[in-house]
C-alpha atoms as a PDB file:
ATOM      1  CA  MET A   1     -29.512 122.875 -13.643  1.00  0.00           C
ATOM      2  CA  GLU A   2     -28.470 119.278 -12.903  1.00  0.00           C
ATOM      3  CA  GLY A   3     -30.138 118.080 -16.097  1.00  0.00           C
ATOM      4  CA  PHE A   4     -28.508 120.902 -18.037  1.00  0.00           C
ATOM      5  CA  ASP A   5     -25.083 120.027 -16.584  1.00  0.00           C
ATOM      6  CA  ARG A   6     -25.465 116.360 -17.520  1.00  0.00           C
ATOM      7  CA  ASP A   7     -26.628 117.190 -21.057  1.00  0.00           C
ATOM      8  CA  ILE A   8     -23.774 119.603 -21.774  1.00  0.00           C
ATOM      9  CA  SER A   9     -21.231 117.285 -20.169  1.00  0.00           C
ATOM     10  CA  ALA A  10     -22.423 114.382 -22.331  1.00  0.00           C
ATOM     11  CA  LYS A  11     -22.241 116.508 -25.490  1.00  0.00           C
ATOM     12  CA  LEU A  12     -18.729 117.679 -24.587  1.00  0.00           C
ATOM     13  CA  LYS A  13     -17.585 114.101 -24.084  1.00  0.00           C
ATOM     14  CA  ARG A  14     -19.106 113.030 -27.438  1.00  0.00           C
ATOM     15  CA  VAL A  15     -17.332 115.841 -29.307  1.00  0.00           C
ATOM     16  CA  ALA A  16     -14.000 114.979 -27.738  1.00  0.00           C
ATOM     17  CA  THR A  17     -14.466 111.239 -28.270  1.00  0.00           C
ATOM     18  CA  ASP A  18     -15.558 111.592 -31.907  1.00  0.00           C
ATOM     19  CA  ASN A  19     -12.897 114.088 -32.935  1.00  0.00           C
ATOM     20  CA  VAL A  20      -9.774 113.410 -30.887  1.00  0.00           C
ATOM     21  CA  ARG A  21      -7.700 110.266 -31.283  1.00  0.00           C
ATOM     22  CA  PHE A  22      -4.375 109.695 -29.539  1.00  0.00           C
ATOM     23  CA  SER A  23      -1.668 107.154 -30.225  1.00  0.00           C
ATOM     24  CA  GLN A  24      -0.309 105.077 -27.351  1.00  0.00           C
ATOM     25  CA  GLU A  25       2.736 107.358 -27.211  1.00  0.00           C
ATOM     26  CA  GLU A  26       0.521 110.441 -26.930  1.00  0.00           C
ATOM     27  CA  LYS A  27      -1.548 108.825 -24.173  1.00  0.00           C
ATOM     28  CA  MET A  28       1.622 108.055 -22.236  1.00  0.00           C
ATOM     29  CA  ALA A  29       2.814 111.636 -22.743  1.00  0.00           C
ATOM     30  CA  ILE A  30      -0.463 112.981 -21.324  1.00  0.00           C
ATOM     31  CA  ARG A  31      -0.281 110.680 -18.307  1.00  0.00           C
ATOM     32  CA  GLN A  32       3.347 111.609 -17.674  1.00  0.00           C
ATOM     33  CA  LYS A  33       2.654 115.328 -17.951  1.00  0.00           C
ATOM     34  CA  THR A  34      -0.282 115.241 -15.561  1.00  0.00           C
ATOM     35  CA  LYS A  35       1.750 113.123 -13.146  1.00  0.00           C
ATOM     36  CA  ASP A  36       4.790 115.410 -13.190  1.00  0.00           C
ATOM     37  CA  VAL A  37       2.994 118.744 -12.676  1.00  0.00           C
ATOM     38  CA  LYS A  38       4.067 120.223  -9.329  1.00  0.00           C
ATOM     39  CA  PRO A  39       3.245 123.655  -7.857  1.00  0.00           C
ATOM     40  CA  ALA A  40       6.099 126.160  -8.012  1.00  0.00           C
ATOM     41  CA  ALA A  41       6.804 128.822  -5.434  1.00  0.00           C
ATOM     42  CA  ARG A  42       6.315 131.847  -7.667  1.00  0.00           C
ATOM     43  CA  ARG A  43       4.771 130.547 -10.844  1.00  0.00           C
ATOM     44  CA  VAL A  44       1.204 129.474 -11.416  1.00  0.00           C
ATOM     45  CA  GLN A  45       1.380 126.011 -12.930  1.00  0.00           C
ATOM     46  CA  PRO A  46      -1.185 125.136 -15.628  1.00  0.00           C
ATOM     47  CA  MET A  47      -3.592 122.250 -15.104  1.00  0.00           C
ATOM     48  CA  TYR A  48      -3.714 119.608 -17.838  1.00  0.00           C
ATOM     49  CA  TRP A  49      -7.223 118.148 -18.234  1.00  0.00           C
ATOM     50  CA  THR A  50      -8.042 114.771 -19.753  1.00  0.00           C
ATOM     51  CA  VAL A  51     -11.225 113.906 -21.589  1.00  0.00           C
ATOM     52  CA  PHE A  52     -12.344 111.914 -18.575  1.00  0.00           C
ATOM     53  CA  ALA A  53     -12.167 115.076 -16.420  1.00  0.00           C
ATOM     54  CA  SER A  54     -14.301 117.177 -18.770  1.00  0.00           C
ATOM     55  CA  ALA A  55     -17.360 116.827 -16.549  1.00  0.00           C
ATOM     56  CA  ALA A  56     -15.398 118.179 -13.595  1.00  0.00           C
ATOM     57  CA  VAL A  57     -14.138 121.108 -15.669  1.00  0.00           C
ATOM     58  CA  LEU A  58     -17.689 121.962 -16.696  1.00  0.00           C
ATOM     59  CA  PHE A  59     -18.913 121.727 -13.098  1.00  0.00           C
ATOM     60  CA  LEU A  60     -16.199 124.080 -11.837  1.00  0.00           C
ATOM     61  CA  PHE A  61     -16.892 126.562 -14.615  1.00  0.00           C
ATOM     62  CA  LEU A  62     -20.629 126.580 -13.947  1.00  0.00           C
ATOM     63  CA  GLY A  63     -19.972 126.966 -10.240  1.00  0.00           C
ATOM     64  CA  PHE A  64     -17.685 129.898 -10.950  1.00  0.00           C
ATOM     65  CA  ILE A  65     -20.498 131.813 -12.621  1.00  0.00           C
ATOM     66  CA  TYR A  66     -22.921 131.171  -9.759  1.00  0.00           C
ATOM     67  CA  ALA A  67     -24.582 128.393 -11.801  1.00  0.00           C
ATOM     68  CA  THR A  68     -26.460 130.971 -13.911  1.00  0.00           C
ATOM     69  CA  ASP A  69     -26.889 130.658 -17.663  1.00  0.00           C
ATOM     70  CA  SER A  70     -24.936 133.071 -19.816  1.00  0.00           C
ATOM     71  CA  GLY A  71     -26.048 134.284 -23.219  1.00  0.00           C
ATOM     72  CA  LEU A  72     -24.340 135.753 -26.250  1.00  0.00           C
ATOM     73  CA  LEU A  73     -24.199 139.512 -25.856  1.00  0.00           C
ATOM     74  CA  GLU A  74     -22.357 140.437 -29.033  1.00  0.00           C
ATOM     75  CA  ALA A  75     -20.137 138.629 -31.532  1.00  0.00           C
ATOM     76  CA  GLY A  76     -17.429 139.895 -33.837  1.00  0.00           C
ATOM     77  CA  SER A  77     -15.274 138.200 -36.457  1.00  0.00           C
ATOM     78  CA  ASP A  78     -12.982 136.704 -33.818  1.00  0.00           C
ATOM     79  CA  THR A  79     -14.484 137.725 -30.459  1.00  0.00           C
ATOM     80  CA  ASP A  80     -17.603 136.736 -28.517  1.00  0.00           C
ATOM     81  CA  TYR A  81     -18.913 138.694 -25.519  1.00  0.00           C
ATOM     82  CA  MET A  82     -21.033 136.776 -23.017  1.00  0.00           C
ATOM     83  CA  ALA A  83     -23.223 138.095 -20.199  1.00  0.00           C
ATOM     84  CA  PRO A  84     -25.868 136.733 -17.789  1.00  0.00           C
ATOM     85  CA  ALA A  85     -28.807 135.453 -19.832  1.00  0.00           C
ATOM     86  CA  ASN A  86     -31.371 137.239 -17.644  1.00  0.00           C
ATOM     87  CA  GLY A  87     -30.226 140.536 -19.179  1.00  0.00           C
ATOM     88  CA  GLU A  88     -29.432 142.201 -15.860  1.00  0.00           C
ATOM     89  CA  MET A  89     -25.880 143.477 -16.047  1.00  0.00           C
ATOM     90  CA  ALA A  90     -23.951 146.320 -14.454  1.00  0.00           C
ATOM     91  CA  TYR A  91     -21.903 147.240 -17.524  1.00  0.00           C
ATOM     92  CA  THR A  92     -22.170 147.881 -21.260  1.00  0.00           C
ATOM     93  CA  VAL A  93     -20.791 146.258 -24.391  1.00  0.00           C
ATOM     94  CA  GLN A  94     -18.455 149.228 -24.666  1.00  0.00           C
ATOM     95  CA  ASP A  95     -16.984 148.323 -21.283  1.00  0.00           C
ATOM     96  CA  LEU A  96     -16.139 144.832 -22.501  1.00  0.00           C
ATOM     97  CA  GLU A  97     -14.659 146.196 -25.716  1.00  0.00           C
ATOM     98  CA  GLY A  98     -12.149 148.041 -23.536  1.00  0.00           C
ATOM     99  CA  ILE A  99     -10.690 144.724 -22.360  1.00  0.00           C
ATOM    100  CA  GLU A 100      -8.057 143.509 -24.820  1.00  0.00           C
ATOM    101  CA  PHE A 101      -5.775 140.481 -24.732  1.00  0.00           C
ATOM    102  CA  GLU A 102      -3.460 138.881 -27.264  1.00  0.00           C
ATOM    103  CA  ILE A 103      -0.471 136.574 -27.643  1.00  0.00           C
ATOM    104  CA  VAL A 104       2.681 138.686 -27.902  1.00  0.00           C
ATOM    105  CA  GLU A 105       5.359 135.988 -27.733  1.00  0.00           C
ATOM    106  CA  GLU A 106       5.743 132.243 -28.263  1.00  0.00           C
ATOM    107  CA  GLN A 107       8.553 129.939 -27.197  1.00  0.00           C
ATOM    108  CA  GLN A 108       9.071 126.199 -27.632  1.00  0.00           C
ATOM    109  CA  VAL A 109      10.420 124.855 -24.323  1.00  0.00           C
ATOM    110  CA  ASP A 110      10.627 121.141 -25.189  1.00  0.00           C
ATOM    111  CA  GLU A 111       9.157 118.567 -27.593  1.00  0.00           C
ATOM    112  CA  VAL A 112       5.721 118.867 -26.015  1.00  0.00           C
ATOM    113  CA  ASN A 113       5.288 122.270 -24.427  1.00  0.00           C
ATOM    114  CA  ARG A 114       5.119 125.806 -25.756  1.00  0.00           C
ATOM    115  CA  VAL A 115       4.967 128.945 -23.619  1.00  0.00           C
ATOM    116  CA  TYR A 116       2.720 131.758 -24.831  1.00  0.00           C
ATOM    117  CA  THR A 117       3.107 135.222 -23.327  1.00  0.00           C
ATOM    118  CA  ILE A 118      -0.239 137.003 -23.055  1.00  0.00           C
ATOM    119  CA  GLU A 119      -0.687 140.761 -22.778  1.00  0.00           C
ATOM    120  CA  LEU A 120      -3.980 141.831 -21.198  1.00  0.00           C
ATOM    121  CA  VAL A 121      -5.134 145.446 -21.150  1.00  0.00           C
ATOM    122  CA  ASN A 122      -7.955 146.516 -18.859  1.00  0.00           C
ATOM    123  CA  GLY A 123      -8.888 149.640 -20.779  1.00  0.00           C
ATOM    124  CA  THR A 124     -12.108 150.153 -18.838  1.00  0.00           C
ATOM    125  CA  GLU A 125     -12.978 152.269 -15.810  1.00  0.00           C
ATOM    126  CA  HIS A 126     -13.775 149.089 -13.873  1.00  0.00           C
ATOM    127  CA  ASP A 127     -11.594 146.692 -11.907  1.00  0.00           C
ATOM    128  CA  ILE A 128     -11.613 143.082 -13.104  1.00  0.00           C
ATOM    129  CA  ILE A 129     -12.299 140.882 -10.071  1.00  0.00           C
ATOM    130  CA  ASP A 130     -11.420 137.183  -9.712  1.00  0.00           C
ATOM    131  CA  GLY A 131     -10.349 136.833 -13.340  1.00  0.00           C
ATOM    132  CA  VAL A 132      -9.621 133.426 -14.865  1.00  0.00           C
ATOM    133  CA  PHE A 133      -7.828 133.127 -18.220  1.00  0.00           C
ATOM    134  CA  ARG A 134      -8.069 129.919 -20.272  1.00  0.00           C
ATOM    135  CA  MET A 135      -6.273 128.787 -23.423  1.00  0.00           C
ATOM    136  CA  SER A 136      -6.620 125.770 -25.725  1.00  0.00           C
ATOM    137  CA  HIS A 137      -6.255 124.580 -29.323  1.00  0.00           C
ATOM    138  CA  PRO A 138      -9.658 124.138 -31.068  1.00  0.00           C
ATOM    139  CA  ILE A 139     -10.704 120.672 -32.236  1.00  0.00           C
ATOM    140  CA  LYS A 140     -11.283 120.303 -35.979  1.00  0.00           C
ATOM    141  CA  ILE A 141     -14.793 119.236 -36.939  1.00  0.00           C
ATOM    142  CA  GLU A 142     -16.714 119.233 -40.209  1.00  0.00           C
ATOM    143  CA  ASN A 143     -17.391 122.800 -41.376  1.00  0.00           C
ATOM    144  CA  GLY A 144     -15.564 124.426 -38.477  1.00  0.00           C
ATOM    145  CA  ASN A 145     -14.054 123.693 -35.079  1.00  0.00           C
ATOM    146  CA  SER A 146     -15.123 123.007 -31.525  1.00  0.00           C
ATOM    147  CA  GLY A 147     -13.922 123.662 -28.003  1.00  0.00           C
ATOM    148  CA  ASN A 148     -11.128 121.476 -26.659  1.00  0.00           C
ATOM    149  CA  PRO A 149     -11.459 120.041 -23.114  1.00  0.00           C
ATOM    150  CA  PHE A 150      -7.656 119.914 -22.979  1.00  0.00           C
ATOM    151  CA  GLU A 151      -7.007 123.458 -21.761  1.00  0.00           C
ATOM    152  CA  VAL A 152      -4.807 125.355 -19.335  1.00  0.00           C
ATOM    153  CA  ASP A 153      -5.950 128.108 -17.018  1.00  0.00           C
ATOM    154  CA  ASN A 154      -4.442 130.892 -14.928  1.00  0.00           C
ATOM    155  CA  ARG A 155      -6.061 132.715 -12.004  1.00  0.00           C
ATOM    156  CA  LEU A 156      -5.412 136.425 -12.513  1.00  0.00           C
ATOM    157  CA  TYR A 157      -7.393 137.584  -9.492  1.00  0.00           C
ATOM    158  CA  ASN A 158      -7.769 141.393  -9.597  1.00  0.00           C
ATOM    159  CA  ILE A 159      -6.712 143.697 -12.442  1.00  0.00           C
ATOM    160  CA  GLU A 160      -7.154 147.391 -11.732  1.00  0.00           C
ATOM    161  CA  ALA A 161      -8.794 149.765 -14.208  1.00  0.00           C
ATOM    162  CA  GLY A 162      -6.324 151.050 -16.794  1.00  0.00           C
ATOM    163  CA  LYS A 163      -3.714 148.433 -15.932  1.00  0.00           C
ATOM    164  CA  THR A 164      -1.759 146.289 -18.424  1.00  0.00           C
ATOM    165  CA  ILE A 165      -0.306 142.950 -17.359  1.00  0.00           C
ATOM    166  CA  ARG A 166       1.680 140.147 -18.982  1.00  0.00           C
ATOM    167  CA  PHE A 167       1.673 136.494 -17.977  1.00  0.00           C
ATOM    168  CA  ASP A 168       2.673 133.121 -19.417  1.00  0.00           C
ATOM    169  CA  MET A 169       0.483 130.198 -20.445  1.00  0.00           C
ATOM    170  CA  GLU A 170       2.223 126.840 -21.008  1.00  0.00           C
ATOM    171  CA  LEU A 171       0.280 124.627 -23.403  1.00  0.00           C
ATOM    172  CA  PRO A 172       1.194 120.994 -24.274  1.00  0.00           C
ATOM    173  CA  SER A 173       0.787 121.592 -28.011  1.00  0.00           C
ATOM    174  CA  GLY A 174       3.052 118.683 -28.913  1.00  0.00           C
ATOM    175  CA  ILE A 175       0.615 116.010 -27.712  1.00  0.00           C
ATOM    176  CA  PHE A 176      -1.936 116.838 -30.412  1.00  0.00           C
ATOM    177  CA  ASP A 177      -2.282 115.568 -33.983  1.00  0.00           C
ATOM    178  CA  SER A 178      -2.406 118.477 -36.433  1.00  0.00           C
ATOM    179  CA  GLU A 179      -4.989 116.583 -38.519  1.00  0.00           C
ATOM    180  CA  GLN A 180      -7.415 116.633 -35.603  1.00  0.00           C
ATOM    181  CA  VAL A 181      -6.542 119.815 -33.719  1.00  0.00           C
ATOM    182  CA  GLU A 182      -5.941 123.390 -34.947  1.00  0.00           C
ATOM    183  CA  LEU A 183      -2.326 123.798 -33.841  1.00  0.00           C
ATOM    184  CA  ASP A 184      -1.963 127.061 -35.759  1.00  0.00           C
ATOM    185  CA  SER A 185      -4.688 128.780 -33.739  1.00  0.00           C
ATOM    186  CA  ALA A 186      -5.734 129.152 -30.119  1.00  0.00           C
ATOM    187  CA  SER A 187      -8.913 129.872 -28.223  1.00  0.00           C
ATOM    188  CA  LEU A 188      -8.403 132.531 -25.542  1.00  0.00           C
ATOM    189  CA  ASP A 189     -11.035 133.015 -22.855  1.00  0.00           C
ATOM    190  CA  LEU A 190     -11.319 135.501 -19.981  1.00  0.00           C
ATOM    191  CA  THR A 191     -14.004 135.168 -17.315  1.00  0.00           C
ATOM    192  CA  GLY A 192     -14.454 137.451 -14.322  1.00  0.00           C
ATOM    193  CA  TYR A 193     -16.468 140.211 -12.694  1.00  0.00           C
ATOM    194  CA  LEU A 194     -16.414 143.980 -13.086  1.00  0.00           C
ATOM    195  CA  ASN A 195     -15.998 145.747  -9.711  1.00  0.00           C
ATOM    196  CA  LYS A 196     -18.048 143.308  -7.603  1.00  0.00           C
ATOM    197  CA  MET A 197     -18.535 139.546  -7.389  1.00  0.00           C
ATOM    198  CA  GLU A 198     -22.242 139.700  -8.151  1.00  0.00           C
ATOM    199  CA  GLY A 199     -24.268 137.887 -10.797  1.00  0.00           C
ATOM    200  CA  LYS A 200     -25.013 141.058 -12.756  1.00  0.00           C
ATOM    201  CA  ASN A 201     -21.302 141.911 -12.916  1.00  0.00           C
ATOM    202  CA  ILE A 202     -20.054 138.668 -14.447  1.00  0.00           C
ATOM    203  CA  PHE A 203     -18.642 138.635 -17.980  1.00  0.00           C
ATOM    204  CA  GLN A 204     -16.900 136.318 -20.404  1.00  0.00           C
ATOM    205  CA  ILE A 205     -14.820 137.208 -23.456  1.00  0.00           C
ATOM    206  CA  THR A 206     -13.745 134.493 -25.908  1.00  0.00           C
ATOM    207  CA  ARG A 207     -11.328 135.263 -28.708  1.00  0.00           C
ATOM    208  CA  SER A 208      -9.606 133.224 -31.417  1.00  0.00           C
ATOM    209  CA  SER A 209      -5.990 133.937 -32.281  1.00  0.00           C
ATOM    210  CA  ARG A 210      -3.693 132.751 -35.047  1.00  0.00           C
ATOM    211  CA  LEU A 211      -0.316 131.458 -33.898  1.00  0.00           C
ATOM    212  CA  ALA A 212       2.542 132.834 -35.953  1.00  0.00           C
ATOM    213  CA  GLU A 213       5.112 130.240 -34.922  1.00  0.00           C
ATOM    214  CA  SER A 214       3.120 127.025 -34.565  1.00  0.00           C
ATOM    215  CA  GLU A 215       5.007 123.803 -35.205  1.00  0.00           C
ATOM    216  CA  GLU A 216       3.365 120.554 -36.272  1.00  0.00           C
END
Protein backbone atom coordinates (compact mmCIF):
# COMPACT_ATOMS: atom_id res chain seq x y z
CA MET A 1 0.00 0.00 0.00
CA GLU A 2 2.94 2.37 0.58
CA GLY A 3 3.81 2.27 -3.12
CA PHE A 4 0.17 2.83 -4.02
CA ASP A 5 -0.05 5.81 -1.63
CA ARG A 6 3.08 7.40 -3.11
CA ASP A 7 1.88 6.88 -6.69
CA ILE A 8 -1.57 8.38 -6.09
CA SER A 9 -0.12 11.23 -4.04
CA ALA A 10 2.33 12.07 -6.83
CA LYS A 11 -0.45 12.01 -9.45
CA LEU A 12 -2.64 14.25 -7.28
CA LYS A 13 0.18 16.76 -6.89
CA ARG A 14 0.84 16.77 -10.66
CA VAL A 15 -2.83 17.44 -11.45
CA ALA A 16 -2.99 20.30 -8.98
CA THR A 17 0.34 21.75 -10.12
CA ASP A 18 -0.49 21.54 -13.83
CA ASN A 19 -4.02 22.91 -13.58
CA VAL A 20 -4.13 25.39 -10.71
CA ARG A 21 -2.30 28.71 -10.79
CA PHE A 22 -2.66 31.39 -8.12
CA SER A 23 -1.69 35.04 -8.19
CA GLN A 24 0.35 36.46 -5.32
CA GLU A 25 -2.83 37.97 -3.87
CA GLU A 26 -4.58 34.59 -3.95
CA LYS A 27 -1.61 32.90 -2.28
CA MET A 28 -1.68 35.49 0.49
CA ALA A 29 -5.44 34.98 0.88
CA ILE A 30 -4.94 31.22 1.28
CA ARG A 31 -2.19 31.71 3.86
CA GLN A 32 -4.29 34.22 5.78
CA LYS A 33 -7.35 31.98 5.77
CA THR A 34 -5.47 28.94 7.01
CA LYS A 35 -3.78 31.06 9.67
CA ASP A 36 -7.01 32.61 10.94
CA VAL A 37 -9.09 29.42 11.25
CA LYS A 38 -9.93 28.84 14.93
CA PRO A 39 -12.22 26.20 16.47
CA ALA A 40 -15.60 27.52 17.60
CA ALA A 41 -17.54 26.27 20.59
CA ARG A 42 -20.59 25.00 18.73
CA ARG A 43 -19.67 25.05 15.08
CA VAL A 44 -17.46 22.64 13.21
CA GLN A 45 -14.89 24.75 11.41
CA PRO A 46 -13.81 23.62 7.92
CA MET A 47 -10.18 22.77 7.23
CA TYR A 48 -8.53 24.55 4.30
CA TRP A 49 -5.96 22.32 2.57
CA THR A 50 -3.07 23.54 0.44
CA VAL A 51 -1.52 21.67 -2.45
CA PHE A 52 1.47 20.90 -0.27
CA ALA A 53 -0.81 19.08 2.21
CA SER A 54 -2.42 16.85 -0.43
CA ALA A 55 -0.31 13.87 0.57
CA ALA A 56 -1.50 14.20 4.16
CA VAL A 57 -5.12 14.43 3.03
CA LEU A 58 -4.72 11.25 0.99
CA PHE A 59 -3.08 9.45 3.91
CA LEU A 60 -5.89 10.37 6.30
CA PHE A 61 -8.53 9.31 3.79
CA LEU A 62 -6.88 5.95 3.17
CA GLY A 63 -6.50 5.43 6.90
CA PHE A 64 -10.17 6.21 7.38
CA ILE A 65 -11.17 3.33 5.13
CA TYR A 66 -8.89 0.86 6.90
CA ALA A 67 -6.32 1.22 4.08
CA THR A 68 -8.40 -1.06 1.82
CA ASP A 69 -8.94 -0.37 -1.87
CA SER A 70 -12.41 0.70 -2.91
CA GLY A 71 -13.93 0.02 -6.31
CA LEU A 72 -16.71 1.53 -8.37
CA LEU A 73 -19.96 -0.17 -7.47
CA GLU A 74 -22.35 1.74 -9.70
CA ALA A 75 -22.31 5.08 -11.52
CA GLY A 76 -25.11 7.36 -12.61
CA SER A 77 -25.17 10.62 -14.55
CA ASP A 78 -24.07 12.63 -11.51
CA THR A 79 -23.48 10.06 -8.75
CA ASP A 80 -20.86 7.38 -8.11
CA TYR A 81 -21.26 4.63 -5.49
CA MET A 82 -18.07 3.10 -4.11
CA ALA A 83 -17.61 -0.06 -2.05
CA PRO A 84 -14.72 -2.27 -0.86
CA ALA A 85 -12.96 -3.70 -3.92
CA ASN A 86 -12.93 -7.24 -2.50
CA GLY A 87 -16.69 -7.41 -3.13
CA GLU A 88 -17.59 -8.30 0.45
CA MET A 89 -20.17 -5.81 1.63
CA ALA A 90 -23.02 -5.86 4.13
CA TYR A 91 -25.45 -3.80 2.07
CA THR A 92 -26.90 -3.41 -1.42
CA VAL A 93 -26.85 -0.73 -4.09
CA GLN A 94 -30.47 -0.04 -3.18
CA ASP A 95 -29.36 0.82 0.35
CA LEU A 96 -26.96 3.44 -0.95
CA GLU A 97 -29.60 4.86 -3.28
CA GLY A 98 -31.64 5.62 -0.17
CA ILE A 99 -29.00 8.11 0.99
CA GLU A 100 -29.63 11.51 -0.58
CA PHE A 101 -27.86 14.84 -0.13
CA GLU A 102 -28.05 18.16 -1.92
CA ILE A 103 -27.32 21.87 -1.58
CA VAL A 104 -30.50 23.65 -0.49
CA GLU A 105 -29.15 27.14 0.22
CA GLU A 106 -26.16 29.32 -0.63
CA GLN A 107 -24.97 32.52 1.00
CA GLN A 108 -22.01 34.80 0.29
CA VAL A 109 -20.50 35.76 3.66
CA ASP A 110 -17.55 37.86 2.44
CA GLU A 111 -15.34 38.38 -0.63
CA VAL A 112 -13.81 34.92 -0.27
CA ASN A 113 -16.21 32.60 1.51
CA ARG A 114 -19.60 31.15 0.67
CA VAL A 115 -21.73 29.05 3.02
CA TYR A 116 -23.62 26.13 1.50
CA THR A 117 -26.42 24.50 3.48
CA ILE A 118 -26.57 20.76 2.84
CA GLU A 119 -29.62 18.58 3.43
CA LEU A 120 -28.83 14.89 3.94
CA VAL A 121 -31.53 12.23 4.07
CA ASN A 122 -30.74 8.77 5.40
CA GLY A 123 -33.62 7.00 3.70
CA THR A 124 -32.27 3.54 4.50
CA GLU A 125 -32.98 1.09 7.31
CA HIS A 126 -29.35 1.41 8.44
CA ASP A 127 -27.60 3.90 10.70
CA ILE A 128 -24.74 5.83 9.11
CA ILE A 129 -21.73 5.53 11.42
CA ASP A 130 -18.74 7.90 11.57
CA GLY A 131 -19.82 9.85 8.50
CA VAL A 132 -17.52 12.41 6.88
CA PHE A 133 -18.86 14.89 4.31
CA ARG A 134 -16.49 16.67 1.90
CA MET A 135 -17.05 19.48 -0.58
CA SER A 136 -14.87 21.14 -3.24
CA HIS A 137 -14.92 22.87 -6.63
CA PRO A 138 -13.64 20.59 -9.45
CA ILE A 139 -10.49 21.58 -11.34
CA LYS A 140 -10.92 22.16 -15.08
CA ILE A 141 -8.84 19.89 -17.29
CA GLU A 142 -8.94 19.04 -20.98
CA ASN A 143 -12.11 17.10 -21.84
CA GLY A 144 -13.50 17.21 -18.31
CA ASN A 145 -12.56 18.01 -14.73
CA SER A 146 -10.59 16.56 -11.86
CA GLY A 147 -10.71 16.43 -8.08
CA ASN A 148 -9.55 19.49 -6.18
CA PRO A 149 -7.22 19.01 -3.16
CA PHE A 150 -8.59 22.29 -1.78
CA GLU A 151 -11.64 20.91 0.03
CA VAL A 152 -13.54 21.33 3.28
CA ASP A 153 -14.89 18.52 5.41
CA ASN A 154 -17.38 18.02 8.23
CA ARG A 155 -17.56 15.09 10.65
CA LEU A 156 -21.21 14.05 10.87
CA TYR A 157 -20.64 11.10 13.18
CA ASN A 158 -23.86 9.04 13.45
CA ILE A 159 -27.06 9.57 11.44
CA GLU A 160 -29.94 7.32 12.44
CA ALA A 161 -32.02 5.43 9.88
CA GLY A 162 -34.82 7.57 8.46
CA LYS A 163 -33.34 10.80 9.80
CA THR A 164 -32.89 14.06 7.85
CA ILE A 165 -30.26 16.58 8.90
CA ARG A 166 -29.02 19.96 7.69
CA PHE A 167 -25.55 21.39 8.15
CA ASP A 168 -23.36 24.15 6.71
CA MET A 169 -20.20 23.88 4.64
CA GLU A 170 -18.09 27.05 4.26
CA LEU A 171 -16.01 26.99 1.09
CA PRO A 172 -13.41 29.66 0.11
CA SER A 173 -14.76 29.94 -3.43
CA GLY A 174 -13.35 33.43 -3.89
CA ILE A 175 -9.72 32.29 -3.93
CA PHE A 176 -10.14 30.39 -7.20
CA ASP A 177 -9.83 31.54 -10.81
CA SER A 178 -12.98 30.69 -12.77
CA GLU A 179 -10.84 29.86 -15.82
CA GLN A 180 -9.15 27.06 -13.91
CA VAL A 181 -11.79 25.89 -11.44
CA GLU A 182 -15.49 25.05 -11.93
CA LEU A 183 -17.00 27.68 -9.63
CA ASP A 184 -20.52 26.95 -10.88
CA SER A 185 -20.41 23.34 -9.68
CA ALA A 186 -19.36 21.40 -6.61
CA SER A 187 -18.22 17.89 -5.81
CA LEU A 188 -20.05 16.45 -2.79
CA ASP A 189 -18.71 13.33 -1.10
CA LEU A 190 -20.02 11.25 1.81
CA THR A 191 -17.95 8.46 3.35
CA GLY A 192 -18.99 6.30 6.29
CA TYR A 193 -20.17 2.91 7.49
CA LEU A 194 -23.61 1.32 7.63
CA ASN A 195 -24.43 0.04 11.15
CA LYS A 196 -20.92 -1.10 12.11
CA MET A 197 -17.36 0.17 11.67
CA GLU A 198 -16.22 -2.88 9.73
CA GLY A 199 -14.52 -3.13 6.35
CA LYS A 200 -17.52 -4.76 4.68
CA ASN A 201 -19.80 -1.94 5.89
CA ILE A 202 -17.85 0.99 4.46
CA PHE A 203 -19.32 3.07 1.63
CA GLN A 204 -18.62 6.21 -0.35
CA ILE A 205 -21.04 8.31 -2.39
CA THR A 206 -19.74 11.08 -4.67
CA ARG A 207 -22.12 13.46 -6.37
CA SER A 208 -21.73 16.53 -8.59
CA SER A 209 -24.03 19.50 -8.09
CA ARG A 210 -24.64 22.68 -10.06
CA LEU A 211 -24.54 25.88 -8.02
CA ALA A 212 -27.44 28.18 -8.81
CA GLU A 213 -25.91 31.32 -7.32
CA SER A 214 -22.20 31.02 -8.07
CA GLU A 215 -20.29 34.27 -8.45
CA GLU A 216 -17.07 34.62 -10.41
